[in-house]
Amino acid sequence: MRARYPLPTDLVALVSFDGRVYPNEAKPWDRLGLDERARPLETALEQWFSFATGKHTWVSVRGATIRGLISARRRAKRSAWEVEVLIDADEDRRVISSLFSQMLAGVTRQGAERVFLRLSSDSGAVKAAREAGFFPYCRQTLYRSRQKAMPEATELKLRARARGDLFGIYQLYNQAVPANVRAIEGATFREWQAALEPWGRRPADFLLEEEGVISGWVRLLSGGIARLQVLGGSRNVPIEDLLSAGCLRLAGAGVILCLAPEYDAGLALALERLAFRPAADYVLMAKRLLKPAEELVPETTSTAVPVN
């Protein structure tokens, strides 16, 4: 049994192994809600084909048989990565262990400092991820709304995000998110910016500003399956008003999805008041990688700098 980069023919072997289609255990944000849109084989081809020949994909093989696949991608910057595909087609725990090991070594060479992974709370891969050094740092519930009725119009005035607003959003993040989560996702502005999750397409950002301070952030992506993210820190504006403003901007969407972290009970309650219903539970995990030491280059007499 060994892990290696995949060949184009590996996809067919993986999809048809034992006549079954194996699920993708990894749950990146931009894939949530899409799995049910296609029949199993179509879903497998849609999810795996673009990854199976990529240089950031690894397969585990025994002889000519594919036993598993893992694929990783960058988040917003090269220092933060996430597992995008994780398929385990073998009961031998060494398979998934080997996949994690090869992936971590590969992304480290690409400059990764952290790797993130979202799994279903009941996934059998949670234990294997922990054994590979991933640490569970937050639980989330996915809420779904089928927009049968739009929320009432709100007088809340939001403005589109401007180019210089990112640090203000980070300050809001520091105010709204617990320290134990920030330590993993965004201990510094650089780390937070690097770890922002992909949305598949470019989302739209709207901000609530009070007395020159950003106190609310609504990020959304329209479409048949729309996505919504809300972060609130205002004492004067309830989180439900931010959610309503986001939903109104997504009028026409068949489904709206929103993730509520366990530490934000107010967001979960507000979602339920707006007719969102819980659909799935997830655990967020991360592993911090050691940065490779830079090679020391001896100074010559002509270039040495004296130290007083």
C-alpha atoms as a PDB file:
ATOM      1  CA  MET A   1       0.000   0.000   0.000  1.00  0.00           C
ATOM      2  CA  ARG A   2       1.372   3.409  -0.979  1.00  0.00           C
ATOM      3  CA  ALA A   3       0.239   6.951  -1.674  1.00  0.00           C
ATOM      4  CA  ARG A   4       1.149   8.714  -4.927  1.00  0.00           C
ATOM      5  CA  TYR A   5       0.004  11.419  -7.307  1.00  0.00           C
ATOM      6  CA  PRO A   6      -3.033  10.249  -9.332  1.00  0.00           C
ATOM      7  CA  LEU A   7      -3.267   9.209 -12.950  1.00  0.00           C
ATOM      8  CA  PRO A   8      -6.262  10.151 -15.137  1.00  0.00           C
ATOM      9  CA  THR A   9      -7.406   6.515 -15.136  1.00  0.00           C
ATOM     10  CA  ASP A  10      -7.588   6.450 -11.347  1.00  0.00           C
ATOM     11  CA  LEU A  11     -10.940   8.242 -11.261  1.00  0.00           C
ATOM     12  CA  VAL A  12     -12.766   5.453 -13.072  1.00  0.00           C
ATOM     13  CA  ALA A  13     -11.276   2.831 -10.780  1.00  0.00           C
ATOM     14  CA  LEU A  14     -12.245   4.819  -7.696  1.00  0.00           C
ATOM     15  CA  VAL A  15     -15.803   5.590  -8.749  1.00  0.00           C
ATOM     16  CA  SER A  16     -16.575   2.013  -9.802  1.00  0.00           C
ATOM     17  CA  PHE A  17     -14.739   0.216  -6.995  1.00  0.00           C
ATOM     18  CA  ASP A  18     -17.078  -2.569  -5.773  1.00  0.00           C
ATOM     19  CA  GLY A  19     -19.859  -0.895  -7.761  1.00  0.00           C
ATOM     20  CA  ARG A  20     -20.199   1.815  -5.119  1.00  0.00           C
ATOM     21  CA  VAL A  21     -19.766   5.560  -5.119  1.00  0.00           C
ATOM     22  CA  TYR A  22     -17.839   6.639  -2.055  1.00  0.00           C
ATOM     23  CA  PRO A  23     -18.768   9.936  -0.398  1.00  0.00           C
ATOM     24  CA  ASN A  24     -16.520  12.912  -0.054  1.00  0.00           C
ATOM     25  CA  GLU A  25     -15.918  13.161   3.695  1.00  0.00           C
ATOM     26  CA  ALA A  26     -14.513  16.700   3.429  1.00  0.00           C
ATOM     27  CA  LYS A  27     -17.148  19.446   3.548  1.00  0.00           C
ATOM     28  CA  PRO A  28     -15.769  22.726   2.168  1.00  0.00           C
ATOM     29  CA  TRP A  29     -18.157  25.662   2.438  1.00  0.00           C
ATOM     30  CA  ASP A  30     -18.620  26.137  -1.298  1.00  0.00           C
ATOM     31  CA  ARG A  31     -19.681  22.472  -1.712  1.00  0.00           C
ATOM     32  CA  LEU A  32     -22.270  22.331   1.060  1.00  0.00           C
ATOM     33  CA  GLY A  33     -25.769  21.784  -0.289  1.00  0.00           C
ATOM     34  CA  LEU A  34     -24.631  20.709  -3.758  1.00  0.00           C
ATOM     35  CA  ASP A  35     -24.300  16.939  -3.278  1.00  0.00           C
ATOM     36  CA  GLU A  36     -28.029  16.260  -3.535  1.00  0.00           C
ATOM     37  CA  ARG A  37     -28.399  18.021  -6.895  1.00  0.00           C
ATOM     38  CA  ALA A  38     -26.991  15.154  -8.961  1.00  0.00           C
ATOM     39  CA  ARG A  39     -27.324  11.398  -9.068  1.00  0.00           C
ATOM     40  CA  PRO A  40     -24.455   9.548  -7.348  1.00  0.00           C
ATOM     41  CA  LEU A  41     -22.284   8.950 -10.426  1.00  0.00           C
ATOM     42  CA  GLU A  42     -22.801  12.482 -11.717  1.00  0.00           C
ATOM     43  CA  THR A  43     -21.933  13.861  -8.305  1.00  0.00           C
ATOM     44  CA  ALA A  44     -18.781  11.773  -8.152  1.00  0.00           C
ATOM     45  CA  LEU A  45     -17.637  12.918 -11.577  1.00  0.00           C
ATOM     46  CA  GLU A  46     -18.446  16.558 -10.792  1.00  0.00           C
ATOM     47  CA  GLN A  47     -16.555  16.513  -7.512  1.00  0.00           C
ATOM     48  CA  TRP A  48     -13.574  14.372  -8.389  1.00  0.00           C
ATOM     49  CA  PHE A  49     -12.684  14.809 -12.043  1.00  0.00           C
ATOM     50  CA  SER A  50     -11.101  18.238 -11.707  1.00  0.00           C
ATOM     51  CA  PHE A  51      -9.060  17.031  -8.738  1.00  0.00           C
ATOM     52  CA  ALA A  52      -7.924  13.622  -9.932  1.00  0.00           C
ATOM     53  CA  THR A  53      -5.178  14.934 -12.200  1.00  0.00           C
ATOM     54  CA  GLY A  54      -4.142  17.895 -10.063  1.00  0.00           C
ATOM     55  CA  LYS A  55      -0.735  18.202  -8.450  1.00  0.00           C
ATOM     56  CA  HIS A  56      -2.357  18.750  -5.047  1.00  0.00           C
ATOM     57  CA  THR A  57      -4.185  15.417  -5.115  1.00  0.00           C
ATOM     58  CA  TRP A  58      -2.909  12.097  -3.794  1.00  0.00           C
ATOM     59  CA  VAL A  59      -4.315   8.578  -4.119  1.00  0.00           C
ATOM     60  CA  SER A  60      -3.647   5.504  -2.017  1.00  0.00           C
ATOM     61  CA  VAL A  61      -3.181   2.321  -4.008  1.00  0.00           C
ATOM     62  CA  ARG A  62      -2.719  -1.344  -3.269  1.00  0.00           C
ATOM     63  CA  GLY A  63      -1.520  -3.062  -6.410  1.00  0.00           C
ATOM     64  CA  ALA A  64      -3.824  -1.772  -9.143  1.00  0.00           C
ATOM     65  CA  THR A  65      -6.655  -0.932  -6.754  1.00  0.00           C
ATOM     66  CA  ILE A  66      -7.471   2.592  -5.625  1.00  0.00           C
ATOM     67  CA  ARG A  67      -8.201   2.685  -1.897  1.00  0.00           C
ATOM     68  CA  GLY A  68      -8.603   6.396  -1.266  1.00  0.00           C
ATOM     69  CA  LEU A  69      -8.041   9.954  -2.443  1.00  0.00           C
ATOM     70  CA  ILE A  70      -7.265  13.287  -0.812  1.00  0.00           C
ATOM     71  CA  SER A  71      -7.099  16.734  -2.400  1.00  0.00           C
ATOM     72  CA  ALA A  72      -6.096  20.052  -0.829  1.00  0.00           C
ATOM     73  CA  ARG A  73      -6.328  23.634  -2.061  1.00  0.00           C
ATOM     74  CA  ARG A  74      -5.256  27.089  -0.974  1.00  0.00           C
ATOM     75  CA  ARG A  75      -7.628  29.355   0.860  1.00  0.00           C
ATOM     76  CA  ALA A  76      -7.137  33.116   0.410  1.00  0.00           C
ATOM     77  CA  LYS A  77      -3.336  32.951   0.610  1.00  0.00           C
ATOM     78  CA  ARG A  78      -0.680  30.280   0.220  1.00  0.00           C
ATOM     79  CA  SER A  79      -0.057  29.983   3.974  1.00  0.00           C
ATOM     80  CA  ALA A  80      -3.559  28.563   4.622  1.00  0.00           C
ATOM     81  CA  TRP A  81      -4.904  25.421   2.930  1.00  0.00           C
ATOM     82  CA  GLU A  82      -7.962  23.223   3.306  1.00  0.00           C
ATOM     83  CA  VAL A  83      -8.850  19.633   2.513  1.00  0.00           C
ATOM     84  CA  GLU A  84     -11.312  19.759  -0.366  1.00  0.00           C
ATOM     85  CA  VAL A  85     -11.785  16.054  -1.075  1.00  0.00           C
ATOM     86  CA  LEU A  86     -11.304  13.065   1.233  1.00  0.00           C
ATOM     87  CA  ILE A  87     -12.436   9.657   0.025  1.00  0.00           C
ATOM     88  CA  ASP A  88     -11.739   6.493   2.004  1.00  0.00           C
ATOM     89  CA  ALA A  89     -12.711   3.283   0.205  1.00  0.00           C
ATOM     90  CA  ASP A  90     -10.948   0.856   2.541  1.00  0.00           C
ATOM     91  CA  GLU A  91     -11.509  -0.297   6.115  1.00  0.00           C
ATOM     92  CA  ASP A  92      -7.754  -0.402   6.691  1.00  0.00           C
ATOM     93  CA  ARG A  93      -7.012   2.700   8.787  1.00  0.00           C
ATOM     94  CA  ARG A  94      -3.522   2.866   7.321  1.00  0.00           C
ATOM     95  CA  VAL A  95      -5.044   4.083   4.046  1.00  0.00           C
ATOM     96  CA  ILE A  96      -6.447   7.339   5.384  1.00  0.00           C
ATOM     97  CA  SER A  97      -3.391   7.787   7.608  1.00  0.00           C
ATOM     98  CA  SER A  98      -1.124   7.516   4.571  1.00  0.00           C
ATOM     99  CA  LEU A  99      -3.273  10.000   2.638  1.00  0.00           C
ATOM    100  CA  PHE A 100      -3.097  12.583   5.418  1.00  0.00           C
ATOM    101  CA  SER A 101       0.652  12.097   5.736  1.00  0.00           C
ATOM    102  CA  GLN A 102       1.313  12.579   2.020  1.00  0.00           C
ATOM    103  CA  MET A 103      -0.989  15.590   1.776  1.00  0.00           C
ATOM    104  CA  LEU A 104       0.574  17.340   4.770  1.00  0.00           C
ATOM    105  CA  ALA A 105       4.071  16.792   3.425  1.00  0.00           C
ATOM    106  CA  GLY A 106       3.020  18.071   0.002  1.00  0.00           C
ATOM    107  CA  VAL A 107       1.329  21.281   1.137  1.00  0.00           C
ATOM    108  CA  THR A 108       4.194  22.033   3.522  1.00  0.00           C
ATOM    109  CA  ARG A 109       6.468  22.138   0.481  1.00  0.00           C
ATOM    110  CA  GLN A 110       3.996  24.597  -1.081  1.00  0.00           C
ATOM    111  CA  GLY A 111       4.377  27.002   1.845  1.00  0.00           C
ATOM    112  CA  ALA A 112       1.381  25.976   3.964  1.00  0.00           C
ATOM    113  CA  GLU A 113       1.463  26.976   7.616  1.00  0.00           C
ATOM    114  CA  ARG A 114      -2.042  25.766   8.500  1.00  0.00           C
ATOM    115  CA  VAL A 115      -4.407  23.177   7.025  1.00  0.00           C
ATOM    116  CA  PHE A 116      -8.160  23.256   7.720  1.00  0.00           C
ATOM    117  CA  LEU A 117     -10.724  20.479   7.445  1.00  0.00           C
ATOM    118  CA  ARG A 118     -14.511  20.419   7.891  1.00  0.00           C
ATOM    119  CA  LEU A 119     -16.133  17.042   8.534  1.00  0.00           C
ATOM    120  CA  SER A 120     -19.627  15.891   9.421  1.00  0.00           C
ATOM    121  CA  SER A 121     -19.830  15.525  13.190  1.00  0.00           C
ATOM    122  CA  ASP A 122     -20.524  11.801  12.858  1.00  0.00           C
ATOM    123  CA  SER A 123     -17.879  11.136  10.192  1.00  0.00           C
ATOM    124  CA  GLY A 124     -15.572   8.210  10.792  1.00  0.00           C
ATOM    125  CA  ALA A 125     -12.750  10.394   9.467  1.00  0.00           C
ATOM    126  CA  VAL A 126     -12.776  12.579  12.604  1.00  0.00           C
ATOM    127  CA  LYS A 127     -10.732  10.039  14.569  1.00  0.00           C
ATOM    128  CA  ALA A 128      -8.263   9.576  11.713  1.00  0.00           C
ATOM    129  CA  ALA A 129      -7.862  13.342  11.363  1.00  0.00           C
ATOM    130  CA  ARG A 130      -7.105  13.675  15.066  1.00  0.00           C
ATOM    131  CA  GLU A 131      -4.518  10.919  14.791  1.00  0.00           C
ATOM    132  CA  ALA A 132      -2.954  12.892  11.924  1.00  0.00           C
ATOM    133  CA  GLY A 133      -2.608  15.921  14.188  1.00  0.00           C
ATOM    134  CA  PHE A 134      -5.773  17.860  13.337  1.00  0.00           C
ATOM    135  CA  PHE A 135      -7.376  19.642  16.290  1.00  0.00           C
ATOM    136  CA  PRO A 136     -11.170  20.159  16.519  1.00  0.00           C
ATOM    137  CA  TYR A 137     -11.697  23.794  17.449  1.00  0.00           C
ATOM    138  CA  CYS A 138     -15.323  24.614  16.612  1.00  0.00           C
ATOM    139  CA  ARG A 139     -18.649  22.979  15.811  1.00  0.00           C
ATOM    140  CA  GLN A 140     -21.114  24.401  13.306  1.00  0.00           C
ATOM    141  CA  THR A 141     -24.718  23.794  12.298  1.00  0.00           C
ATOM    142  CA  LEU A 142     -25.798  24.320   8.707  1.00  0.00           C
ATOM    143  CA  TYR A 143     -29.148  26.104   8.477  1.00  0.00           C
ATOM    144  CA  ARG A 144     -31.321  25.999   5.377  1.00  0.00           C
ATOM    145  CA  SER A 145     -34.206  28.212   4.294  1.00  0.00           C
ATOM    146  CA  ARG A 146     -36.468  27.616   1.321  1.00  0.00           C
ATOM    147  CA  GLN A 147     -37.551  31.266   1.038  1.00  0.00           C
ATOM    148  CA  LYS A 148     -41.288  30.630   0.875  1.00  0.00           C
ATOM    149  CA  ALA A 149     -41.810  34.069   2.359  1.00  0.00           C
ATOM    150  CA  MET A 150     -39.354  36.940   2.454  1.00  0.00           C
ATOM    151  CA  PRO A 151     -38.656  38.658   5.783  1.00  0.00           C
ATOM    152  CA  GLU A 152     -40.159  42.082   6.298  1.00  0.00           C
ATOM    153  CA  ALA A 153     -38.216  44.957   4.819  1.00  0.00           C
ATOM    154  CA  THR A 154     -35.787  46.521   7.257  1.00  0.00           C
ATOM    155  CA  GLU A 155     -34.693  50.133   7.503  1.00  0.00           C
ATOM    156  CA  LEU A 156     -31.170  48.987   8.259  1.00  0.00           C
ATOM    157  CA  LYS A 157     -28.710  50.870   6.087  1.00  0.00           C
ATOM    158  CA  LEU A 158     -25.797  48.788   4.881  1.00  0.00           C
ATOM    159  CA  ARG A 159     -23.097  49.947   2.518  1.00  0.00           C
ATOM    160  CA  ALA A 160     -20.997  47.967   0.096  1.00  0.00           C
ATOM    161  CA  ARG A 161     -17.536  47.069   1.321  1.00  0.00           C
ATOM    162  CA  ALA A 162     -14.801  49.431   0.160  1.00  0.00           C
ATOM    163  CA  ARG A 163     -11.204  48.572  -0.533  1.00  0.00           C
ATOM    164  CA  GLY A 164      -9.860  49.788   2.811  1.00  0.00           C
ATOM    165  CA  ASP A 165     -12.444  48.036   5.014  1.00  0.00           C
ATOM    166  CA  LEU A 166     -10.747  44.683   5.542  1.00  0.00           C
ATOM    167  CA  PHE A 167      -8.917  45.613   8.735  1.00  0.00           C
ATOM    168  CA  GLY A 168     -12.124  47.077  10.174  1.00  0.00           C
ATOM    169  CA  ILE A 169     -13.847  43.744   9.488  1.00  0.00           C
ATOM    170  CA  TYR A 170     -10.984  41.990  11.260  1.00  0.00           C
ATOM    171  CA  GLN A 171     -11.507  44.237  14.286  1.00  0.00           C
ATOM    172  CA  LEU A 172     -15.182  43.205  14.287  1.00  0.00           C
ATOM    173  CA  TYR A 173     -14.081  39.558  14.050  1.00  0.00           C
ATOM    174  CA  ASN A 174     -11.856  40.061  17.111  1.00  0.00           C
ATOM    175  CA  GLN A 175     -14.805  41.471  19.016  1.00  0.00           C
ATOM    176  CA  ALA A 176     -17.350  38.811  18.018  1.00  0.00           C
ATOM    177  CA  VAL A 177     -15.360  35.551  17.954  1.00  0.00           C
ATOM    178  CA  PRO A 178     -14.009  33.754  21.061  1.00  0.00           C
ATOM    179  CA  ALA A 179     -10.266  33.772  21.684  1.00  0.00           C
ATOM    180  CA  ASN A 180      -9.903  29.986  21.346  1.00  0.00           C
ATOM    181  CA  VAL A 181     -11.301  30.125  17.796  1.00  0.00           C
ATOM    182  CA  ARG A 182      -9.320  33.232  16.859  1.00  0.00           C
ATOM    183  CA  ALA A 183      -6.127  31.514  17.998  1.00  0.00           C
ATOM    184  CA  ILE A 184      -6.638  28.956  15.212  1.00  0.00           C
ATOM    185  CA  GLU A 185      -8.264  31.038  12.477  1.00  0.00           C
ATOM    186  CA  GLY A 186      -6.984  34.548  12.962  1.00  0.00           C
ATOM    187  CA  ALA A 187      -4.505  35.245  15.737  1.00  0.00           C
ATOM    188  CA  THR A 188      -3.204  38.068  13.538  1.00  0.00           C
ATOM    189  CA  PHE A 189      -4.678  40.087  10.691  1.00  0.00           C
ATOM    190  CA  ARG A 190      -2.394  38.230   8.271  1.00  0.00           C
ATOM    191  CA  GLU A 191      -3.539  34.813   9.514  1.00  0.00           C
ATOM    192  CA  TRP A 192      -7.223  35.754   9.452  1.00  0.00           C
ATOM    193  CA  GLN A 193      -6.985  37.116   5.917  1.00  0.00           C
ATOM    194  CA  ALA A 194      -5.141  34.008   4.710  1.00  0.00           C
ATOM    195  CA  ALA A 195      -7.732  31.642   6.219  1.00  0.00           C
ATOM    196  CA  LEU A 196     -10.857  33.170   4.630  1.00  0.00           C
ATOM    197  CA  GLU A 197     -12.803  30.320   3.020  1.00  0.00           C
ATOM    198  CA  PRO A 198     -13.403  30.016  -0.739  1.00  0.00           C
ATOM    199  CA  TRP A 199     -16.982  30.669  -1.850  1.00  0.00           C
ATOM    200  CA  GLY A 200     -16.717  29.229  -5.354  1.00  0.00           C
ATOM    201  CA  ARG A 201     -17.423  32.637  -6.876  1.00  0.00           C
ATOM    202  CA  ARG A 202     -16.822  36.178  -5.689  1.00  0.00           C
ATOM    203  CA  PRO A 203     -19.257  37.010  -2.860  1.00  0.00           C
ATOM    204  CA  ALA A 204     -20.755  40.433  -2.181  1.00  0.00           C
ATOM    205  CA  ASP A 205     -19.971  42.168   1.117  1.00  0.00           C
ATOM    206  CA  PHE A 206     -22.162  44.693   2.932  1.00  0.00           C
ATOM    207  CA  LEU A 207     -21.255  46.515   6.124  1.00  0.00           C
ATOM    208  CA  LEU A 208     -23.056  48.157   9.008  1.00  0.00           C
ATOM    209  CA  GLU A 209     -21.116  51.182  10.202  1.00  0.00           C
ATOM    210  CA  GLU A 210     -21.847  53.082  13.408  1.00  0.00           C
ATOM    211  CA  GLU A 211     -19.912  56.225  14.313  1.00  0.00           C
ATOM    212  CA  GLY A 212     -17.134  55.282  11.926  1.00  0.00           C
ATOM    213  CA  VAL A 213     -16.760  51.732  13.292  1.00  0.00           C
ATOM    214  CA  ILE A 214     -17.760  48.585  11.391  1.00  0.00           C
ATOM    215  CA  SER A 215     -20.260  46.757  13.620  1.00  0.00           C
ATOM    216  CA  GLY A 216     -21.849  44.318  11.184  1.00  0.00           C
ATOM    217  CA  TRP A 217     -20.739  42.262   8.187  1.00  0.00           C
ATOM    218  CA  VAL A 218     -23.029  40.508   5.714  1.00  0.00           C
ATOM    219  CA  ARG A 219     -21.381  38.353   3.064  1.00  0.00           C
ATOM    220  CA  LEU A 220     -23.586  36.664   0.483  1.00  0.00           C
ATOM    221  CA  LEU A 221     -23.524  34.776  -2.787  1.00  0.00           C
ATOM    222  CA  SER A 222     -26.623  34.629  -4.976  1.00  0.00           C
ATOM    223  CA  GLY A 223     -27.752  31.673  -7.055  1.00  0.00           C
ATOM    224  CA  GLY A 224     -30.183  28.774  -6.992  1.00  0.00           C
ATOM    225  CA  ILE A 225     -28.438  27.687  -3.798  1.00  0.00           C
ATOM    226  CA  ALA A 226     -27.460  30.966  -2.152  1.00  0.00           C
ATOM    227  CA  ARG A 227     -25.007  31.383   0.725  1.00  0.00           C
ATOM    228  CA  LEU A 228     -25.104  33.828   3.592  1.00  0.00           C
ATOM    229  CA  GLN A 229     -22.651  34.709   6.349  1.00  0.00           C
ATOM    230  CA  VAL A 230     -23.327  37.269   9.072  1.00  0.00           C
ATOM    231  CA  LEU A 231     -21.076  38.678  11.781  1.00  0.00           C
ATOM    232  CA  GLY A 232     -22.529  41.159  14.234  1.00  0.00           C
ATOM    233  CA  GLY A 233     -21.072  43.241  17.026  1.00  0.00           C
ATOM    234  CA  SER A 234     -23.559  46.076  17.423  1.00  0.00           C
ATOM    235  CA  ARG A 235     -25.297  46.813  20.712  1.00  0.00           C
ATOM    236  CA  ASN A 236     -28.036  48.687  18.885  1.00  0.00           C
ATOM    237  CA  VAL A 237     -28.800  46.432  15.905  1.00  0.00           C
ATOM    238  CA  PRO A 238     -29.905  42.819  16.538  1.00  0.00           C
ATOM    239  CA  ILE A 239     -28.315  40.053  14.491  1.00  0.00           C
ATOM    240  CA  GLU A 240     -31.764  39.220  13.090  1.00  0.00           C
ATOM    241  CA  ASP A 241     -31.843  42.564  11.276  1.00  0.00           C
ATOM    242  CA  LEU A 242     -28.531  41.774   9.588  1.00  0.00           C
ATOM    243  CA  LEU A 243     -29.867  38.363   8.549  1.00  0.00           C
ATOM    244  CA  SER A 244     -33.059  39.910   7.183  1.00  0.00           C
ATOM    245  CA  ALA A 245     -31.050  42.423   5.178  1.00  0.00           C
ATOM    246  CA  GLY A 246     -29.007  39.587   3.700  1.00  0.00           C
ATOM    247  CA  CYS A 247     -32.079  37.489   2.859  1.00  0.00           C
ATOM    248  CA  LEU A 248     -33.761  40.425   1.121  1.00  0.00           C
ATOM    249  CA  ARG A 249     -30.710  40.780  -1.105  1.00  0.00           C
ATOM    250  CA  LEU A 250     -31.042  37.084  -1.984  1.00  0.00           C
ATOM    251  CA  ALA A 251     -34.664  37.316  -3.128  1.00  0.00           C
ATOM    252  CA  GLY A 252     -35.317  34.720  -5.793  1.00  0.00           C
ATOM    253  CA  ALA A 253     -32.933  32.112  -4.419  1.00  0.00           C
ATOM    254  CA  GLY A 254     -34.446  28.656  -4.150  1.00  0.00           C
ATOM    255  CA  VAL A 255     -32.433  27.833  -1.032  1.00  0.00           C
ATOM    256  CA  ILE A 256     -30.322  29.934   1.325  1.00  0.00           C
ATOM    257  CA  LEU A 257     -27.607  28.280   3.415  1.00  0.00           C
ATOM    258  CA  CYS A 258     -25.993  29.749   6.516  1.00  0.00           C
ATOM    259  CA  LEU A 259     -23.494  28.232   8.968  1.00  0.00           C
ATOM    260  CA  ALA A 260     -23.965  29.005  12.663  1.00  0.00           C
ATOM    261  CA  PRO A 261     -21.005  28.319  14.975  1.00  0.00           C
ATOM    262  CA  GLU A 262     -21.725  26.775  18.369  1.00  0.00           C
ATOM    263  CA  TYR A 263     -20.468  29.859  20.203  1.00  0.00           C
ATOM    264  CA  ASP A 264     -23.091  32.122  18.578  1.00  0.00           C
ATOM    265  CA  ALA A 265     -26.400  30.961  20.047  1.00  0.00           C
ATOM    266  CA  GLY A 266     -27.978  34.296  19.127  1.00  0.00           C
ATOM    267  CA  LEU A 267     -27.339  33.679  15.429  1.00  0.00           C
ATOM    268  CA  ALA A 268     -28.913  30.213  15.595  1.00  0.00           C
ATOM    269  CA  LEU A 269     -32.034  31.570  17.311  1.00  0.00           C
ATOM    270  CA  ALA A 270     -32.320  34.403  14.799  1.00  0.00           C
ATOM    271  CA  LEU A 271     -32.064  31.958  11.903  1.00  0.00           C
ATOM    272  CA  GLU A 272     -34.867  29.836  13.323  1.00  0.00           C
ATOM    273  CA  ARG A 273     -37.057  32.913  13.790  1.00  0.00           C
ATOM    274  CA  LEU A 274     -36.576  33.589  10.077  1.00  0.00           C
ATOM    275  CA  ALA A 275     -37.744  30.045   9.202  1.00  0.00           C
ATOM    276  CA  PHE A 276     -34.284  28.549   8.693  1.00  0.00           C
ATOM    277  CA  ARG A 277     -34.029  24.943   9.826  1.00  0.00           C
ATOM    278  CA  PRO A 278     -30.949  22.937  10.895  1.00  0.00           C
ATOM    279  CA  ALA A 279     -29.791  20.579   8.146  1.00  0.00           C
ATOM    280  CA  ALA A 280     -26.406  19.176   9.244  1.00  0.00           C
ATOM    281  CA  ASP A 281     -23.760  19.404  11.951  1.00  0.00           C
ATOM    282  CA  TYR A 282     -20.044  19.781  11.308  1.00  0.00           C
ATOM    283  CA  VAL A 283     -16.772  19.920  13.180  1.00  0.00           C
ATOM    284  CA  LEU A 284     -14.034  22.315  12.098  1.00  0.00           C
ATOM    285  CA  MET A 285     -10.497  21.017  12.490  1.00  0.00           C
ATOM    286  CA  ALA A 286      -7.074  22.496  11.834  1.00  0.00           C
ATOM    287  CA  LYS A 287      -3.433  21.537  11.973  1.00  0.00           C
ATOM    288  CA  ARG A 288      -0.621  24.033  12.322  1.00  0.00           C
ATOM    289  CA  LEU A 289       2.504  23.066  10.385  1.00  0.00           C
ATOM    290  CA  LEU A 290       6.064  23.893  11.266  1.00  0.00           C
ATOM    291  CA  LYS A 291       7.560  26.450   8.908  1.00  0.00           C
ATOM    292  CA  PRO A 292      10.671  25.078   7.196  1.00  0.00           C
ATOM    293  CA  ALA A 293      13.853  26.674   8.474  1.00  0.00           C
ATOM    294  CA  GLU A 294      15.547  28.936   5.979  1.00  0.00           C
ATOM    295  CA  GLU A 295      18.982  27.863   4.853  1.00  0.00           C
ATOM    296  CA  LEU A 296      21.791  29.773   6.542  1.00  0.00           C
ATOM    297  CA  VAL A 297      24.252  31.399   4.151  1.00  0.00           C
ATOM    298  CA  PRO A 298      27.715  32.254   5.545  1.00  0.00           C
ATOM    299  CA  GLU A 299      28.683  35.911   5.330  1.00  0.00           C
ATOM    300  CA  THR A 300      31.885  36.935   3.610  1.00  0.00           C
ATOM    301  CA  THR A 301      34.218  39.539   5.076  1.00  0.00           C
ATOM    302  CA  SER A 302      33.191  42.118   2.507  1.00  0.00           C
ATOM    303  CA  THR A 303      29.450  41.817   3.245  1.00  0.00           C
ATOM    304  CA  ALA A 304      29.441  41.190   6.987  1.00  0.00           C
ATOM    305  CA  VAL A 305      27.710  43.815   9.093  1.00  0.00           C
ATOM    306  CA  PRO A 306      29.451  44.668  12.390  1.00  0.00           C
ATOM    307  CA  VAL A 307      27.404  44.366  15.581  1.00  0.00           C
ATOM    308  CA  ASN A 308      28.141  46.866  18.352  1.00  0.00           C
END
